[in-house]
Amino acid sequence: MIQKKARGSEIIAFSFIAALALTVFPLPEWLSVARPEWVTLVLIYWCMALPNRVGVGIAWGVGLILDVLRIGLLGQNALTLCIIAYITLKLYQRLRVFPLWQQALSVFALVSLSQMLILWVKGITGQSIDIWTYWLPSISSMIAWPLVFITMRALRRKFKVS
C-alpha cells in the first residue's frame, strides 16, 4: 500500500498559533465574555478534515499551551480539548456530510460540552463564575463556525494540506 507524504504541517501549526493569538488578544470587557473558543473551533475543523493527522495528542499539546496562556489550572483545557477531539474523531464522517448550519449546531454542542467540563473543574476547585455570561462563547462559536470552516477549507485547498 502506497502512502502519500503528509503535506502542510506548517499550515496546521500556523492555524493553531493564530487561534491561540485570537484567544489571548485583548478585547473590551463587554466583548471578551462572548469571545468564541477559537482553539476549539480550529481543533474541530482539523479533526474533521484530517483525522489521521490531528487528534487527541495534538489536542493535549495545544490544550497545555492554552492552559499556560490563560493562566489557569494546568490540564483543564488540555482535558477538555482531548475529549472534544475524541468525540469529533468518532463522528467526523457524519459531521463532514452535514450542511454548514447543522455543523454549526454540532459545534455548539461540542463547545457547550467543553464549557461544561471547564465549569465542572472550576466548581471542584471552588472558583465562582457568572452563570449567564458563561455560555456566551458557545453561542458565538456557533455563529463563527461558518467563517472558520470556509477560511480553513480555503487555506487547506490553497496550500494542498493533506
N, C-alpha and C. Protein backbone atom coordinates (compact mmCIF):
# COMPACT_ATOMS: atom_id res chain seq x y z
N MET A 1 0.84 -1.17 0.00
CA MET A 1 0.00 0.00 0.00
C MET A 1 0.89 1.24 0.00
N ILE A 2 0.64 2.13 -0.91
CA ILE A 2 1.43 3.35 -1.04
C ILE A 2 0.77 4.44 -0.21
N GLN A 3 1.57 5.07 0.66
CA GLN A 3 1.05 6.15 1.48
C GLN A 3 1.54 7.47 0.93
N LYS A 4 0.65 8.45 0.86
CA LYS A 4 1.04 9.78 0.41
C LYS A 4 1.79 10.49 1.52
N LYS A 5 2.75 11.30 1.12
CA LYS A 5 3.52 12.07 2.08
C LYS A 5 2.64 13.19 2.65
N ALA A 6 2.69 13.34 3.95
CA ALA A 6 1.90 14.39 4.61
C ALA A 6 2.46 15.75 4.21
N ARG A 7 1.58 16.64 3.87
CA ARG A 7 1.98 17.99 3.46
C ARG A 7 1.22 19.02 4.29
N GLY A 8 1.86 20.16 4.51
CA GLY A 8 1.17 21.29 5.12
C GLY A 8 1.18 21.31 6.63
N SER A 9 2.16 20.67 7.25
CA SER A 9 2.22 20.70 8.71
C SER A 9 2.35 22.12 9.25
N GLU A 10 3.06 22.96 8.50
CA GLU A 10 3.23 24.35 8.95
C GLU A 10 1.92 25.13 8.89
N ILE A 11 1.04 24.79 7.98
CA ILE A 11 -0.27 25.45 7.91
C ILE A 11 -1.11 25.04 9.11
N ILE A 12 -1.07 23.78 9.48
CA ILE A 12 -1.80 23.31 10.65
C ILE A 12 -1.27 24.01 11.90
N ALA A 13 0.05 24.06 12.03
CA ALA A 13 0.66 24.74 13.19
C ALA A 13 0.31 26.22 13.20
N PHE A 14 0.38 26.86 12.03
CA PHE A 14 0.05 28.29 11.96
C PHE A 14 -1.40 28.55 12.36
N SER A 15 -2.31 27.66 11.96
CA SER A 15 -3.72 27.87 12.31
C SER A 15 -3.94 27.78 13.82
N PHE A 16 -3.23 26.85 14.47
CA PHE A 16 -3.34 26.76 15.93
C PHE A 16 -2.70 27.97 16.61
N ILE A 17 -1.58 28.45 16.09
CA ILE A 17 -0.94 29.65 16.65
C ILE A 17 -1.85 30.86 16.49
N ALA A 18 -2.48 30.99 15.32
CA ALA A 18 -3.42 32.10 15.11
C ALA A 18 -4.61 32.00 16.06
N ALA A 19 -5.12 30.78 16.28
CA ALA A 19 -6.24 30.60 17.20
C ALA A 19 -5.84 30.94 18.63
N LEU A 20 -4.62 30.55 19.03
CA LEU A 20 -4.13 30.90 20.36
C LEU A 20 -3.98 32.41 20.50
N ALA A 21 -3.50 33.07 19.44
CA ALA A 21 -3.35 34.53 19.47
C ALA A 21 -4.71 35.21 19.58
N LEU A 22 -5.70 34.71 18.84
CA LEU A 22 -7.05 35.29 18.93
C LEU A 22 -7.66 35.06 20.31
N THR A 23 -7.27 33.98 20.96
CA THR A 23 -7.79 33.67 22.29
C THR A 23 -7.29 34.65 23.34
N VAL A 24 -6.05 35.09 23.22
CA VAL A 24 -5.48 35.99 24.24
C VAL A 24 -5.45 37.44 23.79
N PHE A 25 -5.93 37.73 22.58
CA PHE A 25 -5.96 39.10 22.09
C PHE A 25 -6.88 39.93 22.99
N PRO A 26 -6.40 41.10 23.48
CA PRO A 26 -7.23 41.88 24.40
C PRO A 26 -8.46 42.47 23.71
N LEU A 27 -9.58 42.34 24.38
CA LEU A 27 -10.85 42.89 23.92
C LEU A 27 -11.47 43.70 25.05
N PRO A 28 -12.39 44.60 24.73
CA PRO A 28 -13.12 45.29 25.80
C PRO A 28 -13.86 44.28 26.68
N GLU A 29 -14.06 44.62 27.94
CA GLU A 29 -14.67 43.70 28.91
C GLU A 29 -16.04 43.20 28.44
N TRP A 30 -16.85 44.08 27.88
CA TRP A 30 -18.18 43.68 27.47
C TRP A 30 -18.15 42.71 26.29
N LEU A 31 -17.08 42.74 25.50
CA LEU A 31 -16.97 41.86 24.35
C LEU A 31 -16.19 40.58 24.68
N SER A 32 -15.31 40.63 25.65
CA SER A 32 -14.48 39.48 25.95
C SER A 32 -15.27 38.31 26.54
N VAL A 33 -16.43 38.58 27.15
CA VAL A 33 -17.23 37.49 27.71
C VAL A 33 -17.86 36.64 26.61
N ALA A 34 -17.98 37.19 25.39
CA ALA A 34 -18.60 36.46 24.28
C ALA A 34 -17.56 36.01 23.25
N ARG A 35 -16.29 35.99 23.62
CA ARG A 35 -15.23 35.58 22.68
C ARG A 35 -15.44 34.13 22.27
N PRO A 36 -15.43 33.85 20.96
CA PRO A 36 -15.55 32.45 20.52
C PRO A 36 -14.35 31.63 21.00
N GLU A 37 -14.55 30.35 21.13
CA GLU A 37 -13.48 29.43 21.51
C GLU A 37 -12.70 29.05 20.25
N TRP A 38 -11.79 29.94 19.85
CA TRP A 38 -11.07 29.79 18.59
C TRP A 38 -10.28 28.49 18.51
N VAL A 39 -9.60 28.14 19.58
CA VAL A 39 -8.77 26.93 19.56
C VAL A 39 -9.66 25.70 19.38
N THR A 40 -10.77 25.66 20.04
CA THR A 40 -11.70 24.54 19.91
C THR A 40 -12.24 24.45 18.48
N LEU A 41 -12.56 25.59 17.90
CA LEU A 41 -13.07 25.60 16.53
C LEU A 41 -12.03 25.07 15.54
N VAL A 42 -10.79 25.52 15.69
CA VAL A 42 -9.73 25.06 14.79
C VAL A 42 -9.48 23.56 15.00
N LEU A 43 -9.49 23.12 16.24
CA LEU A 43 -9.31 21.70 16.53
C LEU A 43 -10.42 20.86 15.90
N ILE A 44 -11.65 21.29 16.03
CA ILE A 44 -12.77 20.56 15.44
C ILE A 44 -12.60 20.49 13.92
N TYR A 45 -12.20 21.62 13.31
CA TYR A 45 -12.03 21.61 11.86
C TYR A 45 -10.97 20.60 11.43
N TRP A 46 -9.79 20.66 12.06
CA TRP A 46 -8.71 19.77 11.63
C TRP A 46 -9.03 18.31 11.94
N CYS A 47 -9.74 18.04 13.02
CA CYS A 47 -10.13 16.66 13.31
C CYS A 47 -11.13 16.15 12.28
N MET A 48 -11.96 17.02 11.76
CA MET A 48 -12.90 16.63 10.70
C MET A 48 -12.19 16.49 9.36
N ALA A 49 -11.30 17.42 9.04
CA ALA A 49 -10.67 17.45 7.72
C ALA A 49 -9.55 16.41 7.59
N LEU A 50 -8.71 16.30 8.61
CA LEU A 50 -7.56 15.39 8.57
C LEU A 50 -7.50 14.55 9.85
N PRO A 51 -8.43 13.62 10.00
CA PRO A 51 -8.47 12.84 11.25
C PRO A 51 -7.25 11.96 11.47
N ASN A 52 -6.53 11.65 10.42
CA ASN A 52 -5.33 10.83 10.58
C ASN A 52 -4.10 11.64 11.00
N ARG A 53 -4.19 12.97 10.95
CA ARG A 53 -3.05 13.82 11.30
C ARG A 53 -3.26 14.61 12.58
N VAL A 54 -4.48 15.03 12.85
CA VAL A 54 -4.77 15.84 14.03
C VAL A 54 -5.73 15.06 14.91
N GLY A 55 -5.29 14.83 16.15
CA GLY A 55 -6.11 14.03 17.03
C GLY A 55 -5.93 14.41 18.48
N VAL A 56 -6.05 13.43 19.34
CA VAL A 56 -6.03 13.65 20.78
C VAL A 56 -4.66 14.14 21.25
N GLY A 57 -3.59 13.65 20.65
CA GLY A 57 -2.25 14.09 21.05
C GLY A 57 -2.01 15.56 20.77
N ILE A 58 -2.41 16.00 19.59
CA ILE A 58 -2.30 17.42 19.24
C ILE A 58 -3.19 18.24 20.18
N ALA A 59 -4.38 17.74 20.45
CA ALA A 59 -5.30 18.45 21.36
C ALA A 59 -4.69 18.61 22.74
N TRP A 60 -4.02 17.58 23.22
CA TRP A 60 -3.38 17.65 24.54
C TRP A 60 -2.30 18.73 24.55
N GLY A 61 -1.43 18.74 23.53
CA GLY A 61 -0.36 19.73 23.47
C GLY A 61 -0.88 21.16 23.36
N VAL A 62 -1.84 21.37 22.47
CA VAL A 62 -2.42 22.70 22.31
C VAL A 62 -3.17 23.11 23.58
N GLY A 63 -3.82 22.16 24.23
CA GLY A 63 -4.53 22.45 25.47
C GLY A 63 -3.59 22.87 26.59
N LEU A 64 -2.43 22.24 26.67
CA LEU A 64 -1.45 22.66 27.69
C LEU A 64 -0.94 24.08 27.41
N ILE A 65 -0.70 24.38 26.13
CA ILE A 65 -0.29 25.75 25.79
C ILE A 65 -1.39 26.73 26.16
N LEU A 66 -2.64 26.37 25.89
CA LEU A 66 -3.77 27.23 26.23
C LEU A 66 -3.89 27.41 27.74
N ASP A 67 -3.63 26.36 28.50
CA ASP A 67 -3.63 26.48 29.97
C ASP A 67 -2.60 27.49 30.44
N VAL A 68 -1.43 27.45 29.85
CA VAL A 68 -0.37 28.39 30.23
C VAL A 68 -0.75 29.81 29.83
N LEU A 69 -1.32 29.99 28.64
CA LEU A 69 -1.69 31.32 28.19
C LEU A 69 -2.82 31.94 29.01
N ARG A 70 -3.76 31.11 29.41
CA ARG A 70 -4.90 31.61 30.19
C ARG A 70 -4.61 31.67 31.69
N ILE A 71 -3.43 31.21 32.09
CA ILE A 71 -3.01 31.19 33.49
C ILE A 71 -4.09 30.53 34.34
N GLY A 72 -4.46 29.35 33.93
CA GLY A 72 -5.47 28.59 34.65
C GLY A 72 -4.87 27.34 35.25
N LEU A 73 -5.74 26.49 35.68
CA LEU A 73 -5.33 25.20 36.23
C LEU A 73 -4.71 24.37 35.12
N LEU A 74 -3.48 23.93 35.32
CA LEU A 74 -2.76 23.19 34.28
C LEU A 74 -3.46 21.86 34.01
N GLY A 75 -3.88 21.68 32.78
CA GLY A 75 -4.52 20.45 32.36
C GLY A 75 -6.01 20.57 32.12
N GLN A 76 -6.65 21.64 32.58
CA GLN A 76 -8.10 21.70 32.41
C GLN A 76 -8.48 21.88 30.94
N ASN A 77 -7.83 22.79 30.23
CA ASN A 77 -8.13 22.95 28.81
C ASN A 77 -7.61 21.76 28.01
N ALA A 78 -6.49 21.20 28.43
CA ALA A 78 -5.95 20.02 27.75
C ALA A 78 -6.95 18.87 27.83
N LEU A 79 -7.53 18.65 28.99
CA LEU A 79 -8.53 17.59 29.17
C LEU A 79 -9.74 17.82 28.28
N THR A 80 -10.26 19.04 28.30
CA THR A 80 -11.47 19.32 27.52
C THR A 80 -11.20 19.22 26.02
N LEU A 81 -10.04 19.70 25.57
CA LEU A 81 -9.73 19.60 24.14
C LEU A 81 -9.53 18.15 23.71
N CYS A 82 -8.96 17.34 24.59
CA CYS A 82 -8.81 15.91 24.28
C CYS A 82 -10.17 15.24 24.13
N ILE A 83 -11.09 15.56 24.99
CA ILE A 83 -12.44 14.97 24.91
C ILE A 83 -13.16 15.44 23.65
N ILE A 84 -13.04 16.73 23.33
CA ILE A 84 -13.66 17.26 22.11
C ILE A 84 -13.04 16.62 20.88
N ALA A 85 -11.71 16.46 20.87
CA ALA A 85 -11.04 15.82 19.73
C ALA A 85 -11.50 14.37 19.58
N TYR A 86 -11.60 13.65 20.70
CA TYR A 86 -12.04 12.25 20.65
C TYR A 86 -13.45 12.13 20.07
N ILE A 87 -14.35 12.96 20.55
CA ILE A 87 -15.73 12.91 20.05
C ILE A 87 -15.78 13.28 18.57
N THR A 88 -15.03 14.32 18.19
CA THR A 88 -15.02 14.73 16.79
C THR A 88 -14.44 13.63 15.90
N LEU A 89 -13.39 12.97 16.37
CA LEU A 89 -12.81 11.88 15.59
C LEU A 89 -13.77 10.71 15.44
N LYS A 90 -14.58 10.46 16.46
CA LYS A 90 -15.56 9.39 16.38
C LYS A 90 -16.71 9.73 15.41
N LEU A 91 -17.01 11.03 15.28
CA LEU A 91 -18.16 11.45 14.49
C LEU A 91 -17.79 12.17 13.19
N TYR A 92 -16.51 12.22 12.83
CA TYR A 92 -16.11 13.08 11.72
C TYR A 92 -16.76 12.71 10.39
N GLN A 93 -17.03 11.43 10.14
CA GLN A 93 -17.65 11.06 8.87
C GLN A 93 -19.08 11.58 8.79
N ARG A 94 -19.76 11.62 9.90
CA ARG A 94 -21.12 12.19 9.92
C ARG A 94 -21.08 13.70 9.82
N LEU A 95 -20.16 14.31 10.57
CA LEU A 95 -20.09 15.78 10.59
C LEU A 95 -19.72 16.35 9.23
N ARG A 96 -18.90 15.64 8.48
CA ARG A 96 -18.47 16.12 7.17
C ARG A 96 -19.62 16.28 6.19
N VAL A 97 -20.60 15.41 6.27
CA VAL A 97 -21.69 15.45 5.29
C VAL A 97 -22.83 16.38 5.70
N PHE A 98 -22.79 16.88 6.91
CA PHE A 98 -23.82 17.82 7.35
C PHE A 98 -23.68 19.14 6.58
N PRO A 99 -24.81 19.79 6.31
CA PRO A 99 -24.71 21.16 5.80
C PRO A 99 -24.10 22.07 6.87
N LEU A 100 -23.65 23.23 6.45
CA LEU A 100 -22.92 24.12 7.34
C LEU A 100 -23.73 24.51 8.58
N TRP A 101 -25.03 24.71 8.44
CA TRP A 101 -25.82 25.10 9.60
C TRP A 101 -25.94 23.97 10.61
N GLN A 102 -25.99 22.72 10.13
CA GLN A 102 -26.03 21.59 11.06
C GLN A 102 -24.67 21.37 11.71
N GLN A 103 -23.59 21.64 10.96
CA GLN A 103 -22.27 21.59 11.57
C GLN A 103 -22.16 22.63 12.67
N ALA A 104 -22.73 23.82 12.43
CA ALA A 104 -22.69 24.87 13.44
C ALA A 104 -23.43 24.44 14.71
N LEU A 105 -24.53 23.74 14.56
CA LEU A 105 -25.25 23.23 15.73
C LEU A 105 -24.43 22.16 16.45
N SER A 106 -23.73 21.33 15.69
CA SER A 106 -22.86 20.33 16.30
C SER A 106 -21.71 21.00 17.04
N VAL A 107 -21.17 22.05 16.46
CA VAL A 107 -20.10 22.81 17.11
C VAL A 107 -20.62 23.44 18.39
N PHE A 108 -21.85 23.94 18.36
CA PHE A 108 -22.46 24.49 19.58
C PHE A 108 -22.50 23.42 20.68
N ALA A 109 -22.90 22.21 20.31
CA ALA A 109 -22.97 21.13 21.30
C ALA A 109 -21.58 20.78 21.83
N LEU A 110 -20.59 20.72 20.95
CA LEU A 110 -19.23 20.37 21.38
C LEU A 110 -18.62 21.46 22.25
N VAL A 111 -18.79 22.71 21.87
CA VAL A 111 -18.24 23.82 22.67
C VAL A 111 -18.99 23.91 24.00
N SER A 112 -20.29 23.66 23.99
CA SER A 112 -21.04 23.64 25.26
C SER A 112 -20.55 22.53 26.18
N LEU A 113 -20.24 21.37 25.61
CA LEU A 113 -19.67 20.29 26.40
C LEU A 113 -18.32 20.72 26.98
N SER A 114 -17.52 21.37 26.18
CA SER A 114 -16.23 21.88 26.66
C SER A 114 -16.44 22.87 27.81
N GLN A 115 -17.39 23.76 27.64
CA GLN A 115 -17.70 24.75 28.69
C GLN A 115 -18.19 24.05 29.97
N MET A 116 -19.00 23.00 29.81
CA MET A 116 -19.49 22.27 30.99
C MET A 116 -18.34 21.58 31.72
N LEU A 117 -17.41 21.00 30.98
CA LEU A 117 -16.26 20.35 31.61
C LEU A 117 -15.41 21.36 32.38
N ILE A 118 -15.19 22.54 31.79
CA ILE A 118 -14.41 23.57 32.48
C ILE A 118 -15.19 24.09 33.69
N LEU A 119 -16.51 24.22 33.56
CA LEU A 119 -17.34 24.63 34.68
C LEU A 119 -17.25 23.60 35.81
N TRP A 120 -17.23 22.33 35.47
CA TRP A 120 -17.10 21.27 36.46
C TRP A 120 -15.77 21.39 37.20
N VAL A 121 -14.69 21.60 36.46
CA VAL A 121 -13.38 21.75 37.09
C VAL A 121 -13.35 23.00 37.98
N LYS A 122 -13.93 24.08 37.50
CA LYS A 122 -13.98 25.30 38.33
C LYS A 122 -14.80 25.08 39.59
N GLY A 123 -15.87 24.31 39.48
CA GLY A 123 -16.67 24.01 40.66
C GLY A 123 -15.91 23.17 41.67
N ILE A 124 -15.14 22.21 41.16
CA ILE A 124 -14.35 21.37 42.06
C ILE A 124 -13.29 22.20 42.78
N THR A 125 -12.70 23.16 42.07
CA THR A 125 -11.63 23.97 42.67
C THR A 125 -12.17 25.16 43.46
N GLY A 126 -13.47 25.35 43.47
CA GLY A 126 -14.07 26.40 44.29
C GLY A 126 -14.08 27.78 43.65
N GLN A 127 -13.88 27.87 42.35
CA GLN A 127 -13.93 29.16 41.67
C GLN A 127 -15.37 29.53 41.36
N SER A 128 -15.66 30.81 41.44
CA SER A 128 -17.02 31.26 41.14
C SER A 128 -17.07 31.80 39.71
N ILE A 129 -18.25 31.71 39.10
CA ILE A 129 -18.44 32.22 37.75
C ILE A 129 -19.78 32.92 37.66
N ASP A 130 -19.92 33.77 36.63
CA ASP A 130 -21.20 34.39 36.34
C ASP A 130 -21.92 33.47 35.36
N ILE A 131 -22.95 32.79 35.83
CA ILE A 131 -23.56 31.69 35.09
C ILE A 131 -24.21 32.14 33.78
N TRP A 132 -24.75 33.34 33.71
CA TRP A 132 -25.45 33.75 32.49
C TRP A 132 -24.49 34.08 31.36
N THR A 133 -23.41 34.75 31.64
CA THR A 133 -22.46 35.10 30.58
C THR A 133 -21.50 33.96 30.27
N TYR A 134 -21.48 32.95 31.09
CA TYR A 134 -20.56 31.84 30.89
C TYR A 134 -20.82 31.08 29.60
N TRP A 135 -22.06 31.05 29.15
CA TRP A 135 -22.43 30.25 27.98
C TRP A 135 -22.36 31.04 26.68
N LEU A 136 -22.03 32.32 26.74
CA LEU A 136 -21.94 33.13 25.52
C LEU A 136 -20.88 32.63 24.53
N PRO A 137 -19.72 32.14 24.97
CA PRO A 137 -18.77 31.61 23.98
C PRO A 137 -19.31 30.45 23.15
N SER A 138 -20.21 29.67 23.70
CA SER A 138 -20.80 28.57 22.91
C SER A 138 -21.64 29.13 21.77
N ILE A 139 -22.39 30.17 22.07
CA ILE A 139 -23.24 30.79 21.04
C ILE A 139 -22.39 31.50 20.00
N SER A 140 -21.39 32.26 20.46
CA SER A 140 -20.54 32.99 19.50
C SER A 140 -19.70 32.03 18.67
N SER A 141 -19.31 30.89 19.23
CA SER A 141 -18.57 29.89 18.45
C SER A 141 -19.45 29.28 17.37
N MET A 142 -20.70 29.05 17.70
CA MET A 142 -21.64 28.53 16.72
C MET A 142 -21.81 29.53 15.56
N ILE A 143 -21.89 30.80 15.90
CA ILE A 143 -22.05 31.83 14.88
C ILE A 143 -20.77 31.97 14.05
N ALA A 144 -19.60 31.81 14.68
CA ALA A 144 -18.32 31.96 13.98
C ALA A 144 -17.95 30.74 13.16
N TRP A 145 -18.57 29.58 13.40
CA TRP A 145 -18.18 28.36 12.72
C TRP A 145 -18.18 28.46 11.19
N PRO A 146 -19.24 29.00 10.55
CA PRO A 146 -19.19 29.06 9.08
C PRO A 146 -17.98 29.84 8.56
N LEU A 147 -17.64 30.94 9.20
CA LEU A 147 -16.47 31.72 8.79
C LEU A 147 -15.18 30.92 8.98
N VAL A 148 -15.06 30.26 10.12
CA VAL A 148 -13.87 29.45 10.40
C VAL A 148 -13.78 28.30 9.40
N PHE A 149 -14.86 27.62 9.16
CA PHE A 149 -14.87 26.47 8.26
C PHE A 149 -14.47 26.88 6.85
N ILE A 150 -15.07 27.94 6.33
CA ILE A 150 -14.79 28.38 4.96
C ILE A 150 -13.34 28.87 4.84
N THR A 151 -12.86 29.60 5.83
CA THR A 151 -11.49 30.09 5.80
C THR A 151 -10.49 28.94 5.87
N MET A 152 -10.71 28.02 6.79
CA MET A 152 -9.78 26.90 6.95
C MET A 152 -9.80 25.98 5.73
N ARG A 153 -10.97 25.77 5.15
CA ARG A 153 -11.05 24.93 3.95
C ARG A 153 -10.32 25.59 2.78
N ALA A 154 -10.45 26.92 2.66
CA ALA A 154 -9.73 27.63 1.60
C ALA A 154 -8.22 27.52 1.80
N LEU A 155 -7.77 27.66 3.04
CA LEU A 155 -6.33 27.51 3.33
C LEU A 155 -5.85 26.09 3.01
N ARG A 156 -6.64 25.12 3.42
CA ARG A 156 -6.26 23.72 3.19
C ARG A 156 -6.16 23.42 1.70
N ARG A 157 -7.08 23.94 0.92
CA ARG A 157 -7.05 23.69 -0.52
C ARG A 157 -5.94 24.48 -1.21
N LYS A 158 -5.74 25.73 -0.81
CA LYS A 158 -4.72 26.57 -1.44
C LYS A 158 -3.32 25.99 -1.22
N PHE A 159 -3.03 25.55 -0.01
CA PHE A 159 -1.71 25.03 0.30
C PHE A 159 -1.62 23.50 0.18
N LYS A 160 -2.70 22.89 -0.32
CA LYS A 160 -2.74 21.43 -0.55
C LYS A 160 -2.32 20.64 0.69
N VAL A 161 -2.92 20.98 1.82
CA VAL A 161 -2.62 20.27 3.07
C VAL A 161 -3.28 18.90 3.00
N SER A 162 -2.47 17.87 3.24
CA SER A 162 -3.02 16.51 3.18
C SER A 162 -2.39 15.65 4.26
